[in-house]
PDB file of all heavy atoms in Angstrom:
ATOM      1  N   TYR A   1       7.008  40.125   5.974  1.00  0.00           N
ATOM      2  CA  TYR A   1       8.288  40.414   6.632  1.00  0.00           C
ATOM      3  C   TYR A   1       8.403  41.908   6.918  1.00  0.00           C
ATOM      4  O   TYR A   1       7.747  42.731   6.289  1.00  0.00           O
ATOM      5  CB  TYR A   1       9.463  40.007   5.722  1.00  0.00           C
ATOM      6  CG  TYR A   1       9.571  38.533   5.506  1.00  0.00           C
ATOM      7  CD1 TYR A   1       8.795  37.892   4.527  1.00  0.00           C
ATOM      8  CD2 TYR A   1      10.425  37.761   6.275  1.00  0.00           C
ATOM      9  CE1 TYR A   1       8.887  36.525   4.327  1.00  0.00           C
ATOM     10  CE2 TYR A   1      10.524  36.393   6.083  1.00  0.00           C
ATOM     11  CZ  TYR A   1       9.750  35.785   5.109  1.00  0.00           C
ATOM     12  OH  TYR A   1       9.842  34.439   4.928  1.00  0.00           O
ATOM     13  N   THR A   2       9.252  42.222   7.846  1.00  0.00           N
ATOM     14  CA  THR A   2       9.588  43.605   8.140  1.00  0.00           C
ATOM     15  C   THR A   2      11.048  43.652   8.585  1.00  0.00           C
ATOM     16  O   THR A   2      11.701  42.618   8.737  1.00  0.00           O
ATOM     17  CB  THR A   2       8.655  44.199   9.221  1.00  0.00           C
ATOM     18  OG1 THR A   2       8.868  45.611   9.278  1.00  0.00           O
ATOM     19  CG2 THR A   2       8.914  43.577  10.578  1.00  0.00           C
ATOM     20  N   ILE A   3      11.540  44.845   8.791  1.00  0.00           N
ATOM     21  CA  ILE A   3      12.908  45.071   9.259  1.00  0.00           C
ATOM     22  C   ILE A   3      12.829  45.577  10.692  1.00  0.00           C
ATOM     23  O   ILE A   3      12.101  46.528  10.988  1.00  0.00           O
ATOM     24  CB  ILE A   3      13.636  46.114   8.379  1.00  0.00           C
ATOM     25  CG1 ILE A   3      13.654  45.687   6.912  1.00  0.00           C
ATOM     26  CG2 ILE A   3      15.037  46.401   8.900  1.00  0.00           C
ATOM     27  CD1 ILE A   3      14.471  44.458   6.622  1.00  0.00           C
ATOM     28  N   CYS A   4      13.572  44.969  11.591  1.00  0.00           N
ATOM     29  CA  CYS A   4      13.618  45.402  12.981  1.00  0.00           C
ATOM     30  C   CYS A   4      14.233  46.806  13.038  1.00  0.00           C
ATOM     31  O   CYS A   4      15.340  47.015  12.526  1.00  0.00           O
ATOM     32  CB  CYS A   4      14.448  44.423  13.819  1.00  0.00           C
ATOM     33  SG  CYS A   4      14.652  44.950  15.537  1.00  0.00           S
ATOM     34  N   PRO A   5      13.537  47.767  13.647  1.00  0.00           N
ATOM     35  CA  PRO A   5      14.086  49.119  13.719  1.00  0.00           C
ATOM     36  C   PRO A   5      15.284  49.247  14.659  1.00  0.00           C
ATOM     37  O   PRO A   5      15.992  50.243  14.626  1.00  0.00           O
ATOM     38  CB  PRO A   5      12.906  49.958  14.225  1.00  0.00           C
ATOM     39  CG  PRO A   5      12.022  48.992  14.918  1.00  0.00           C
ATOM     40  CD  PRO A   5      12.216  47.664  14.250  1.00  0.00           C
ATOM     41  N   GLU A   6      15.524  48.239  15.466  1.00  0.00           N
ATOM     42  CA  GLU A   6      16.642  48.280  16.415  1.00  0.00           C
ATOM     43  C   GLU A   6      17.924  47.737  15.783  1.00  0.00           C
ATOM     44  O   GLU A   6      18.955  48.380  15.793  1.00  0.00           O
ATOM     45  CB  GLU A   6      16.289  47.464  17.662  1.00  0.00           C
ATOM     46  CG  GLU A   6      17.362  47.456  18.725  1.00  0.00           C
ATOM     47  CD  GLU A   6      17.114  48.476  19.812  1.00  0.00           C
ATOM     48  OE1 GLU A   6      16.011  48.998  19.926  1.00  0.00           O
ATOM     49  OE2 GLU A   6      18.066  48.748  20.553  1.00  0.00           O
ATOM     50  N   CYS A   7      17.860  46.527  15.220  1.00  0.00           N
ATOM     51  CA  CYS A   7      19.075  45.869  14.732  1.00  0.00           C
ATOM     52  C   CYS A   7      19.139  45.770  13.212  1.00  0.00           C
ATOM     53  O   CYS A   7      20.180  45.420  12.666  1.00  0.00           O
ATOM     54  CB  CYS A   7      19.203  44.470  15.336  1.00  0.00           C
ATOM     55  SG  CYS A   7      17.949  43.301  14.763  1.00  0.00           S
ATOM     56  N   GLY A   8      18.034  46.018  12.525  1.00  0.00           N
ATOM     57  CA  GLY A   8      18.028  45.997  11.066  1.00  0.00           C
ATOM     58  C   GLY A   8      17.832  44.624  10.446  1.00  0.00           C
ATOM     59  O   GLY A   8      17.895  44.487   9.235  1.00  0.00           O
ATOM     60  N   ARG A   9      17.586  43.599  11.276  1.00  0.00           N
ATOM     61  CA  ARG A   9      17.375  42.251  10.733  1.00  0.00           C
ATOM     62  C   ARG A   9      15.972  42.113  10.166  1.00  0.00           C
ATOM     63  O   ARG A   9      15.010  42.629  10.726  1.00  0.00           O
ATOM     64  CB  ARG A   9      17.570  41.194  11.805  1.00  0.00           C
ATOM     65  CG  ARG A   9      19.018  40.888  12.095  1.00  0.00           C
ATOM     66  CD  ARG A   9      19.111  39.787  13.104  1.00  0.00           C
ATOM     67  NE  ARG A   9      18.759  40.399  14.389  1.00  0.00           N
ATOM     68  CZ  ARG A   9      19.091  39.931  15.565  1.00  0.00           C
ATOM     69  NH1 ARG A   9      19.731  38.804  15.675  1.00  0.00           N
ATOM     70  NH2 ARG A   9      18.764  40.560  16.676  1.00  0.00           N
ATOM     71  N   GLU A  10      15.881  41.363   9.078  1.00  0.00           N
ATOM     72  CA  GLU A  10      14.580  41.031   8.513  1.00  0.00           C
ATOM     73  C   GLU A  10      13.972  39.887   9.327  1.00  0.00           C
ATOM     74  O   GLU A  10      14.668  38.948   9.696  1.00  0.00           O
ATOM     75  CB  GLU A  10      14.758  40.602   7.052  1.00  0.00           C
ATOM     76  CG  GLU A  10      13.468  40.234   6.363  1.00  0.00           C
ATOM     77  CD  GLU A  10      13.689  39.818   4.920  1.00  0.00           C
ATOM     78  OE1 GLU A  10      14.123  38.656   4.708  1.00  0.00           O
ATOM     79  OE2 GLU A  10      13.430  40.643   4.034  1.00  0.00           O
ATOM     80  N   HIS A  11      12.668  39.992   9.611  1.00  0.00           N
ATOM     81  CA  HIS A  11      11.996  38.920  10.343  1.00  0.00           C
ATOM     82  C   HIS A  11      10.524  38.885   9.940  1.00  0.00           C
ATOM     83  O   HIS A  11       9.986  39.856   9.414  1.00  0.00           O
ATOM     84  CB  HIS A  11      12.158  39.089  11.858  1.00  0.00           C
ATOM     85  CG  HIS A  11      11.546  40.345  12.411  1.00  0.00           C
ATOM     86  ND1 HIS A  11      10.316  40.361  13.012  1.00  0.00           N
ATOM     87  CD2 HIS A  11      11.993  41.619  12.450  1.00  0.00           C
ATOM     88  CE1 HIS A  11      10.031  41.590  13.400  1.00  0.00           C
ATOM     89  NE2 HIS A  11      11.039  42.375  13.070  1.00  0.00           N
ATOM     90  N   THR A  12       9.904  37.745  10.174  1.00  0.00           N
ATOM     91  CA  THR A  12       8.495  37.591   9.830  1.00  0.00           C
ATOM     92  C   THR A  12       7.623  38.266  10.886  1.00  0.00           C
ATOM     93  O   THR A  12       8.029  38.422  12.035  1.00  0.00           O
ATOM     94  CB  THR A  12       8.086  36.099   9.739  1.00  0.00           C
ATOM     95  OG1 THR A  12       8.318  35.488  10.995  1.00  0.00           O
ATOM     96  CG2 THR A  12       8.840  35.384   8.647  1.00  0.00           C
ATOM     97  N   VAL A  13       6.438  38.682  10.442  1.00  0.00           N
ATOM     98  CA  VAL A  13       5.457  39.256  11.354  1.00  0.00           C
ATOM     99  C   VAL A  13       4.101  38.623  11.077  1.00  0.00           C
ATOM    100  O   VAL A  13       3.832  38.160   9.973  1.00  0.00           O
ATOM    101  CB  VAL A  13       5.348  40.792  11.219  1.00  0.00           C
ATOM    102  CG1 VAL A  13       6.611  41.475  11.660  1.00  0.00           C
ATOM    103  CG2 VAL A  13       4.985  41.202   9.817  1.00  0.00           C
ATOM    104  N   ASP A  14       3.275  38.614  12.077  1.00  0.00           N
ATOM    105  CA  ASP A  14       1.913  38.114  11.957  1.00  0.00           C
ATOM    106  C   ASP A  14       1.002  39.335  11.831  1.00  0.00           C
ATOM    107  O   ASP A  14       0.720  40.008  12.821  1.00  0.00           O
ATOM    108  CB  ASP A  14       1.564  37.282  13.189  1.00  0.00           C
ATOM    109  CG  ASP A  14       0.167  36.688  13.130  1.00  0.00           C
ATOM    110  OD1 ASP A  14      -0.649  37.120  12.292  1.00  0.00           O
ATOM    111  OD2 ASP A  14      -0.102  35.785  13.943  1.00  0.00           O
ATOM    112  N   LEU A  15       0.570  39.637  10.608  1.00  0.00           N
ATOM    113  CA  LEU A  15      -0.259  40.817  10.383  1.00  0.00           C
ATOM    114  C   LEU A  15      -1.554  40.762  11.191  1.00  0.00           C
ATOM    115  O   LEU A  15      -2.030  41.784  11.671  1.00  0.00           O
ATOM    116  CB  LEU A  15      -0.596  40.963   8.895  1.00  0.00           C
ATOM    117  CG  LEU A  15       0.382  41.747   8.051  1.00  0.00           C
ATOM    118  CD1 LEU A  15      -0.128  41.873   6.621  1.00  0.00           C
ATOM    119  CD2 LEU A  15       0.661  43.115   8.617  1.00  0.00           C
ATOM    120  N   GLN A  16      -2.123  39.596  11.321  1.00  0.00           N
ATOM    121  CA  GLN A  16      -3.366  39.471  12.069  1.00  0.00           C
ATOM    122  C   GLN A  16      -3.164  39.931  13.513  1.00  0.00           C
ATOM    123  O   GLN A  16      -3.974  40.670  14.056  1.00  0.00           O
ATOM    124  CB  GLN A  16      -3.870  38.036  12.056  1.00  0.00           C
ATOM    125  CG  GLN A  16      -5.193  37.875  12.788  1.00  0.00           C
ATOM    126  CD  GLN A  16      -5.756  36.471  12.644  1.00  0.00           C
ATOM    127  OE1 GLN A  16      -5.352  35.705  11.785  1.00  0.00           O
ATOM    128  NE2 GLN A  16      -6.700  36.148  13.515  1.00  0.00           N
ATOM    129  N   GLU A  17      -2.067  39.522  14.106  1.00  0.00           N
ATOM    130  CA  GLU A  17      -1.765  39.924  15.480  1.00  0.00           C
ATOM    131  C   GLU A  17      -1.580  41.440  15.583  1.00  0.00           C
ATOM    132  O   GLU A  17      -2.053  42.079  16.520  1.00  0.00           O
ATOM    133  CB  GLU A  17      -0.500  39.207  15.958  1.00  0.00           C
ATOM    134  CG  GLU A  17      -0.143  39.465  17.399  1.00  0.00           C
ATOM    135  CD  GLU A  17       1.109  38.701  17.802  1.00  0.00           C
ATOM    136  OE1 GLU A  17       1.174  37.483  17.562  1.00  0.00           O
ATOM    137  OE2 GLU A  17       2.023  39.341  18.349  1.00  0.00           O
ATOM    138  N   ILE A  18      -0.913  42.015  14.609  1.00  0.00           N
ATOM    139  CA  ILE A  18      -0.677  43.465  14.613  1.00  0.00           C
ATOM    140  C   ILE A  18      -1.985  44.220  14.443  1.00  0.00           C
ATOM    141  O   ILE A  18      -2.253  45.196  15.138  1.00  0.00           O
ATOM    142  CB  ILE A  18       0.331  43.844  13.506  1.00  0.00           C
ATOM    143  CG1 ILE A  18       1.710  43.285  13.858  1.00  0.00           C
ATOM    144  CG2 ILE A  18       0.394  45.357  13.333  1.00  0.00           C
ATOM    145  CD1 ILE A  18       2.701  43.366  12.734  1.00  0.00           C
ATOM    146  N   LEU A  19      -2.839  43.754  13.539  1.00  0.00           N
ATOM    147  CA  LEU A  19      -4.093  44.447  13.257  1.00  0.00           C
ATOM    148  C   LEU A  19      -5.127  44.268  14.365  1.00  0.00           C
ATOM    149  O   LEU A  19      -6.025  45.098  14.507  1.00  0.00           O
ATOM    150  CB  LEU A  19      -4.664  43.970  11.918  1.00  0.00           C
ATOM    151  CG  LEU A  19      -3.800  44.302  10.698  1.00  0.00           C
ATOM    152  CD1 LEU A  19      -4.373  43.655   9.446  1.00  0.00           C
ATOM    153  CD2 LEU A  19      -3.676  45.808  10.517  1.00  0.00           C
ATOM    154  N   GLU A  20      -5.014  43.214  15.166  1.00  0.00           N
ATOM    155  CA  GLU A  20      -5.965  42.976  16.253  1.00  0.00           C
ATOM    156  C   GLU A  20      -5.943  44.085  17.295  1.00  0.00           C
ATOM    157  O   GLU A  20      -6.943  44.329  17.957  1.00  0.00           O
ATOM    158  CB  GLU A  20      -5.695  41.631  16.927  1.00  0.00           C
ATOM    159  CG  GLU A  20      -6.190  40.454  16.137  1.00  0.00           C
ATOM    160  CD  GLU A  20      -5.810  39.112  16.759  1.00  0.00           C
ATOM    161  OE1 GLU A  20      -5.023  39.088  17.738  1.00  0.00           O
ATOM    162  OE2 GLU A  20      -6.286  38.091  16.254  1.00  0.00           O
ATOM    163  N   GLY A  21      -4.826  44.757  17.423  1.00  0.00           N
ATOM    164  CA  GLY A  21      -4.723  45.843  18.394  1.00  0.00           C
ATOM    165  C   GLY A  21      -5.622  47.021  18.073  1.00  0.00           C
ATOM    166  O   GLY A  21      -5.930  47.833  18.932  1.00  0.00           O
ATOM    167  N   GLY A  22      -6.033  47.145  16.817  1.00  0.00           N
ATOM    168  CA  GLY A  22      -6.965  48.187  16.426  1.00  0.00           C
ATOM    169  C   GLY A  22      -6.355  49.511  16.033  1.00  0.00           C
ATOM    170  O   GLY A  22      -7.015  50.331  15.430  1.00  0.00           O
ATOM    171  N   SER A  23      -5.102  49.749  16.358  1.00  0.00           N
ATOM    172  CA  SER A  23      -4.502  51.041  16.021  1.00  0.00           C
ATOM    173  C   SER A  23      -3.302  50.884  15.092  1.00  0.00           C
ATOM    174  O   SER A  23      -2.439  51.743  15.060  1.00  0.00           O
ATOM    175  CB  SER A  23      -4.089  51.774  17.298  1.00  0.00           C
ATOM    176  OG  SER A  23      -3.113  51.018  17.989  1.00  0.00           O
ATOM    177  N   ALA A  24      -3.259  49.803  14.357  1.00  0.00           N
ATOM    178  CA  ALA A  24      -2.120  49.551  13.477  1.00  0.00           C
ATOM    179  C   ALA A  24      -2.164  50.469  12.261  1.00  0.00           C
ATOM    180  O   ALA A  24      -3.215  50.801  11.748  1.00  0.00           O
ATOM    181  CB  ALA A  24      -2.104  48.101  13.032  1.00  0.00           C
ATOM    182  N   ASP A  25      -1.007  50.861  11.846  1.00  0.00           N
ATOM    183  CA  ASP A  25      -0.815  51.685  10.664  1.00  0.00           C
ATOM    184  C   ASP A  25       0.314  51.006   9.895  1.00  0.00           C
ATOM    185  O   ASP A  25       1.446  50.981  10.367  1.00  0.00           O
ATOM    186  CB  ASP A  25      -0.438  53.089  11.110  1.00  0.00           C
ATOM    187  CG  ASP A  25       0.189  53.939  10.028  1.00  0.00           C
ATOM    188  OD1 ASP A  25       0.159  53.562   8.843  1.00  0.00           O
ATOM    189  OD2 ASP A  25       0.731  55.005  10.379  1.00  0.00           O
TER     190      ASP A  25
END
């Protein structure tokens, strides 16, 4: 999970999708 930086809501994320971009931190 993470927090949306715009509205502050908690939501799920797909780490694999984020890391596939190659520049994830």
